[in-house]
């Protein structure tokens, strides 16, 4: 590849970026869906996120810091892009999963984002705080509020089953 096609990245940087995109693109696409986009729009937004990340890649110091940087950029893009909410009919095998997904999507963003990052992306409070520019106490409080707003019978089990449904998304 010539320098222009690689966007000015050296070959080793270009290969690392390609590997990281392969590893993390499905996570970010799922995150965009969980944020409230349709599956199709989530895919398109994910492509845009990684195209933008390509330009910022050199600013990321270590490979370990790539995922938090991608989530941070994803949140910036998702907040800026108008959500086109549509029916989730046919997306989930179980109606209960669709209902819980829609409840999560309707949460205020300050509760929804840390909740999704913890519950479905297995990030730690410190990582979430860094991504969202919050204190760990604020993250913990917002997650507890999200859980209270979603409370219902067997919430933890329902969240576990929803997580499995997310894993089966096309």
C-alpha atoms as a PDB file:
ATOM      1  CA  UNK A   1       0.000   0.000   0.000  1.00  0.00           C
ATOM      2  CA  UNK A   2       1.221   3.461  -0.691  1.00  0.00           C
ATOM      3  CA  UNK A   3       1.501   6.152   1.986  1.00  0.00           C
ATOM      4  CA  UNK A   4      -1.662   7.965   0.812  1.00  0.00           C
ATOM      5  CA  UNK A   5      -3.806   4.802   0.946  1.00  0.00           C
ATOM      6  CA  UNK A   6      -2.619   4.124   4.475  1.00  0.00           C
ATOM      7  CA  UNK A   7      -3.456   7.669   5.539  1.00  0.00           C
ATOM      8  CA  UNK A   8       0.148   8.478   6.443  1.00  0.00           C
ATOM      9  CA  UNK A   9       0.495   5.561   8.866  1.00  0.00           C
ATOM     10  CA  UNK A  10       3.655   3.462   8.831  1.00  0.00           C
ATOM     11  CA  UNK A  11       3.091  -0.154   7.863  1.00  0.00           C
ATOM     12  CA  UNK A  12       3.364  -1.460  11.456  1.00  0.00           C
ATOM     13  CA  UNK A  13       0.869   1.185  12.674  1.00  0.00           C
ATOM     14  CA  UNK A  14      -1.451   0.358   9.760  1.00  0.00           C
ATOM     15  CA  UNK A  15      -1.334  -3.368  10.613  1.00  0.00           C
ATOM     16  CA  UNK A  16      -2.012  -2.686  14.303  1.00  0.00           C
ATOM     17  CA  UNK A  17      -4.963  -0.456  13.395  1.00  0.00           C
ATOM     18  CA  UNK A  18      -6.361  -3.134  11.061  1.00  0.00           C
ATOM     19  CA  UNK A  19      -6.068  -5.766  13.770  1.00  0.00           C
ATOM     20  CA  UNK A  20      -7.722  -3.520  16.349  1.00  0.00           C
ATOM     21  CA  UNK A  21     -10.581  -2.741  13.957  1.00  0.00           C
ATOM     22  CA  UNK A  22     -11.104  -6.473  13.396  1.00  0.00           C
ATOM     23  CA  UNK A  23     -11.096  -7.120  17.141  1.00  0.00           C
ATOM     24  CA  UNK A  24     -13.305  -4.235  18.248  1.00  0.00           C
ATOM     25  CA  UNK A  25     -15.662  -3.372  15.380  1.00  0.00           C
ATOM     26  CA  UNK A  26     -18.386  -5.821  16.460  1.00  0.00           C
ATOM     27  CA  UNK A  27     -18.227  -4.486  20.039  1.00  0.00           C
ATOM     28  CA  UNK A  28     -18.668  -0.932  18.824  1.00  0.00           C
ATOM     29  CA  UNK A  29     -21.428  -1.912  16.407  1.00  0.00           C
ATOM     30  CA  UNK A  30     -23.266  -3.680  19.246  1.00  0.00           C
ATOM     31  CA  UNK A  31     -22.658  -0.635  21.458  1.00  0.00           C
ATOM     32  CA  UNK A  32     -24.262   1.645  18.808  1.00  0.00           C
ATOM     33  CA  UNK A  33     -27.268  -0.703  18.667  1.00  0.00           C
ATOM     34  CA  UNK A  34     -27.512  -0.749  22.464  1.00  0.00           C
ATOM     35  CA  UNK A  35     -27.305   3.034  22.425  1.00  0.00           C
ATOM     36  CA  UNK A  36     -30.494   3.034  20.361  1.00  0.00           C
ATOM     37  CA  UNK A  37     -29.679   2.828  16.667  1.00  0.00           C
ATOM     38  CA  UNK A  38     -31.095   0.341  14.179  1.00  0.00           C
ATOM     39  CA  UNK A  39     -28.769  -2.523  13.223  1.00  0.00           C
ATOM     40  CA  UNK A  40     -28.184  -0.969   9.801  1.00  0.00           C
ATOM     41  CA  UNK A  41     -27.415   2.479  11.192  1.00  0.00           C
ATOM     42  CA  UNK A  42     -25.203   0.974  13.910  1.00  0.00           C
ATOM     43  CA  UNK A  43     -23.096  -0.641  11.179  1.00  0.00           C
ATOM     44  CA  UNK A  44     -22.804   2.616   9.240  1.00  0.00           C
ATOM     45  CA  UNK A  45     -21.945   4.635  12.354  1.00  0.00           C
ATOM     46  CA  UNK A  46     -19.303   2.038  13.278  1.00  0.00           C
ATOM     47  CA  UNK A  47     -17.658   2.437   9.877  1.00  0.00           C
ATOM     48  CA  UNK A  48     -17.631   6.198  10.403  1.00  0.00           C
ATOM     49  CA  UNK A  49     -16.198   5.821  13.902  1.00  0.00           C
ATOM     50  CA  UNK A  50     -13.280   3.713  12.698  1.00  0.00           C
ATOM     51  CA  UNK A  51     -12.665   6.006   9.731  1.00  0.00           C
ATOM     52  CA  UNK A  52     -12.401   8.890  12.203  1.00  0.00           C
ATOM     53  CA  UNK A  53     -10.322   6.827  14.600  1.00  0.00           C
ATOM     54  CA  UNK A  54      -7.868   6.166  11.781  1.00  0.00           C
ATOM     55  CA  UNK A  55      -7.025   9.875  11.856  1.00  0.00           C
ATOM     56  CA  UNK A  56      -6.527   9.877  15.647  1.00  0.00           C
ATOM     57  CA  UNK A  57      -4.672   6.568  15.852  1.00  0.00           C
ATOM     58  CA  UNK A  58      -1.221   8.102  16.269  1.00  0.00           C
ATOM     59  CA  UNK A  59      -2.395   9.962  19.375  1.00  0.00           C
ATOM     60  CA  UNK A  60      -3.131   6.688  21.175  1.00  0.00           C
ATOM     61  CA  UNK A  61       0.000   5.855  23.133  1.00  0.00           C
ATOM     62  CA  UNK A  62      -0.387   2.110  23.676  1.00  0.00           C
ATOM     63  CA  UNK A  63      -2.417  -0.718  22.195  1.00  0.00           C
ATOM     64  CA  UNK A  64      -4.075  -1.227  25.619  1.00  0.00           C
ATOM     65  CA  UNK A  65      -5.555   2.274  25.416  1.00  0.00           C
ATOM     66  CA  UNK A  66      -7.098   1.757  21.980  1.00  0.00           C
ATOM     67  CA  UNK A  67     -10.452   0.350  23.153  1.00  0.00           C
ATOM     68  CA  UNK A  68     -11.205   3.176  25.627  1.00  0.00           C
ATOM     69  CA  UNK A  69     -10.214   5.694  22.929  1.00  0.00           C
ATOM     70  CA  UNK A  70     -12.551   3.996  20.449  1.00  0.00           C
ATOM     71  CA  UNK A  71     -15.429   4.015  22.956  1.00  0.00           C
ATOM     72  CA  UNK A  72     -14.818   7.689  23.671  1.00  0.00           C
ATOM     73  CA  UNK A  73     -14.908   8.518  19.948  1.00  0.00           C
ATOM     74  CA  UNK A  74     -17.955   6.280  19.499  1.00  0.00           C
ATOM     75  CA  UNK A  75     -19.847   8.181  22.185  1.00  0.00           C
ATOM     76  CA  UNK A  76     -18.948  11.501  20.564  1.00  0.00           C
ATOM     77  CA  UNK A  77     -20.217  10.241  17.187  1.00  0.00           C
ATOM     78  CA  UNK A  78     -23.344   8.621  18.629  1.00  0.00           C
ATOM     79  CA  UNK A  79     -24.316  11.767  20.516  1.00  0.00           C
ATOM     80  CA  UNK A  80     -23.819  13.887  17.378  1.00  0.00           C
ATOM     81  CA  UNK A  81     -25.716  11.545  15.062  1.00  0.00           C
ATOM     82  CA  UNK A  82     -29.491  11.640  15.201  1.00  0.00           C
ATOM     83  CA  UNK A  83     -30.903   8.362  16.428  1.00  0.00           C
ATOM     84  CA  UNK A  84     -33.459   6.898  14.117  1.00  0.00           C
ATOM     85  CA  UNK A  85     -35.268   4.588  16.461  1.00  0.00           C
ATOM     86  CA  UNK A  86     -37.221   1.893  14.776  1.00  0.00           C
ATOM     87  CA  UNK A  87     -39.038  -1.214  15.749  1.00  0.00           C
ATOM     88  CA  UNK A  88     -36.891  -4.023  17.065  1.00  0.00           C
ATOM     89  CA  UNK A  89     -39.419  -6.473  15.697  1.00  0.00           C
ATOM     90  CA  UNK A  90     -37.628  -9.507  14.359  1.00  0.00           C
ATOM     91  CA  UNK A  91     -34.284  -8.518  15.887  1.00  0.00           C
ATOM     92  CA  UNK A  92     -34.671 -10.478  19.106  1.00  0.00           C
ATOM     93  CA  UNK A  93     -35.866 -14.048  19.443  1.00  0.00           C
ATOM     94  CA  UNK A  94     -37.682 -13.227  22.687  1.00  0.00           C
ATOM     95  CA  UNK A  95     -40.153 -10.415  23.299  1.00  0.00           C
ATOM     96  CA  UNK A  96     -38.814  -9.909  26.837  1.00  0.00           C
ATOM     97  CA  UNK A  97     -35.381  -9.073  25.409  1.00  0.00           C
ATOM     98  CA  UNK A  98     -36.871  -6.548  23.001  1.00  0.00           C
ATOM     99  CA  UNK A  99     -38.823  -4.908  25.840  1.00  0.00           C
ATOM    100  CA  UNK A 100     -35.771  -4.660  28.118  1.00  0.00           C
ATOM    101  CA  UNK A 101     -33.625  -3.358  25.245  1.00  0.00           C
ATOM    102  CA  UNK A 102     -36.155  -0.590  24.580  1.00  0.00           C
ATOM    103  CA  UNK A 103     -36.294   0.283  28.297  1.00  0.00           C
ATOM    104  CA  UNK A 104     -32.514   0.666  28.313  1.00  0.00           C
ATOM    105  CA  UNK A 105     -32.527   2.726  25.118  1.00  0.00           C
ATOM    106  CA  UNK A 106     -35.084   5.092  26.682  1.00  0.00           C
ATOM    107  CA  UNK A 107     -32.941   5.760  29.755  1.00  0.00           C
ATOM    108  CA  UNK A 108     -31.402   9.206  30.007  1.00  0.00           C
ATOM    109  CA  UNK A 109     -27.969   9.140  28.381  1.00  0.00           C
ATOM    110  CA  UNK A 110     -26.124   9.817  31.636  1.00  0.00           C
ATOM    111  CA  UNK A 111     -27.531   6.566  33.046  1.00  0.00           C
ATOM    112  CA  UNK A 112     -27.655   4.554  29.818  1.00  0.00           C
ATOM    113  CA  UNK A 113     -24.013   4.943  28.755  1.00  0.00           C
ATOM    114  CA  UNK A 114     -22.260   3.795  31.935  1.00  0.00           C
ATOM    115  CA  UNK A 115     -24.859   1.052  32.430  1.00  0.00           C
ATOM    116  CA  UNK A 116     -24.277  -0.396  28.945  1.00  0.00           C
ATOM    117  CA  UNK A 117     -20.504  -0.148  29.247  1.00  0.00           C
ATOM    118  CA  UNK A 118     -20.534  -2.018  32.560  1.00  0.00           C
ATOM    119  CA  UNK A 119     -23.308  -4.514  31.927  1.00  0.00           C
ATOM    120  CA  UNK A 120     -22.646  -5.527  28.331  1.00  0.00           C
ATOM    121  CA  UNK A 121     -19.050  -4.475  27.621  1.00  0.00           C
ATOM    122  CA  UNK A 122     -17.514  -5.560  30.931  1.00  0.00           C
ATOM    123  CA  UNK A 123     -15.597  -2.349  31.477  1.00  0.00           C
ATOM    124  CA  UNK A 124     -14.528  -1.388  34.984  1.00  0.00           C
ATOM    125  CA  UNK A 125     -15.706   1.752  36.770  1.00  0.00           C
ATOM    126  CA  UNK A 126     -12.300   3.381  36.263  1.00  0.00           C
ATOM    127  CA  UNK A 127     -12.398   2.728  32.511  1.00  0.00           C
ATOM    128  CA  UNK A 128     -15.965   4.006  32.227  1.00  0.00           C
ATOM    129  CA  UNK A 129     -15.070   7.103  34.238  1.00  0.00           C
ATOM    130  CA  UNK A 130     -12.176   7.798  31.877  1.00  0.00           C
ATOM    131  CA  UNK A 131     -14.300   7.307  28.769  1.00  0.00           C
ATOM    132  CA  UNK A 132     -17.165   9.485  30.050  1.00  0.00           C
ATOM    133  CA  UNK A 133     -15.002  12.068  31.845  1.00  0.00           C
ATOM    134  CA  UNK A 134     -16.708  11.366  35.158  1.00  0.00           C
ATOM    135  CA  UNK A 135     -15.547  10.359  38.601  1.00  0.00           C
ATOM    136  CA  UNK A 136     -15.860   6.712  39.552  1.00  0.00           C
ATOM    137  CA  UNK A 137     -18.409   7.725  42.193  1.00  0.00           C
ATOM    138  CA  UNK A 138     -20.566   9.409  39.524  1.00  0.00           C
ATOM    139  CA  UNK A 139     -20.284   6.309  37.345  1.00  0.00           C
ATOM    140  CA  UNK A 140     -21.325   4.039  40.196  1.00  0.00           C
ATOM    141  CA  UNK A 141     -24.218   6.324  41.153  1.00  0.00           C
ATOM    142  CA  UNK A 142     -25.456   6.548  37.542  1.00  0.00           C
ATOM    143  CA  UNK A 143     -25.313   2.790  37.131  1.00  0.00           C
ATOM    144  CA  UNK A 144     -27.246   2.244  40.362  1.00  0.00           C
ATOM    145  CA  UNK A 145     -29.840   4.770  39.178  1.00  0.00           C
ATOM    146  CA  UNK A 146     -30.141   2.965  35.840  1.00  0.00           C
ATOM    147  CA  UNK A 147     -30.712  -0.332  37.634  1.00  0.00           C
ATOM    148  CA  UNK A 148     -33.340   1.280  39.867  1.00  0.00           C
ATOM    149  CA  UNK A 149     -35.126   2.702  36.820  1.00  0.00           C
ATOM    150  CA  UNK A 150     -35.065  -0.719  35.189  1.00  0.00           C
ATOM    151  CA  UNK A 151     -36.012  -2.591  38.319  1.00  0.00           C
ATOM    152  CA  UNK A 152     -38.342  -5.476  37.994  1.00  0.00           C
ATOM    153  CA  UNK A 153     -38.613  -9.128  38.719  1.00  0.00           C
ATOM    154  CA  UNK A 154     -35.371 -11.003  38.138  1.00  0.00           C
ATOM    155  CA  UNK A 155     -33.595  -8.008  36.526  1.00  0.00           C
ATOM    156  CA  UNK A 156     -30.127  -9.589  36.760  1.00  0.00           C
ATOM    157  CA  UNK A 157     -31.315 -12.757  35.009  1.00  0.00           C
ATOM    158  CA  UNK A 158     -33.160 -10.725  32.359  1.00  0.00           C
ATOM    159  CA  UNK A 159     -29.989  -8.678  31.749  1.00  0.00           C
ATOM    160  CA  UNK A 160     -27.947 -11.849  31.425  1.00  0.00           C
ATOM    161  CA  UNK A 161     -30.398 -13.223  28.845  1.00  0.00           C
ATOM    162  CA  UNK A 162     -30.432  -9.906  26.972  1.00  0.00           C
ATOM    163  CA  UNK A 163     -26.627 -10.007  26.864  1.00  0.00           C
ATOM    164  CA  UNK A 164     -26.841 -13.441  25.234  1.00  0.00           C
ATOM    165  CA  UNK A 165     -29.334 -12.062  22.727  1.00  0.00           C
ATOM    166  CA  UNK A 166     -26.938  -9.217  21.916  1.00  0.00           C
ATOM    167  CA  UNK A 167     -24.237 -11.809  21.267  1.00  0.00           C
ATOM    168  CA  UNK A 168     -26.505 -13.451  18.684  1.00  0.00           C
ATOM    169  CA  UNK A 169     -27.220 -10.263  16.739  1.00  0.00           C
ATOM    170  CA  UNK A 170     -26.378 -10.473  13.046  1.00  0.00           C
END
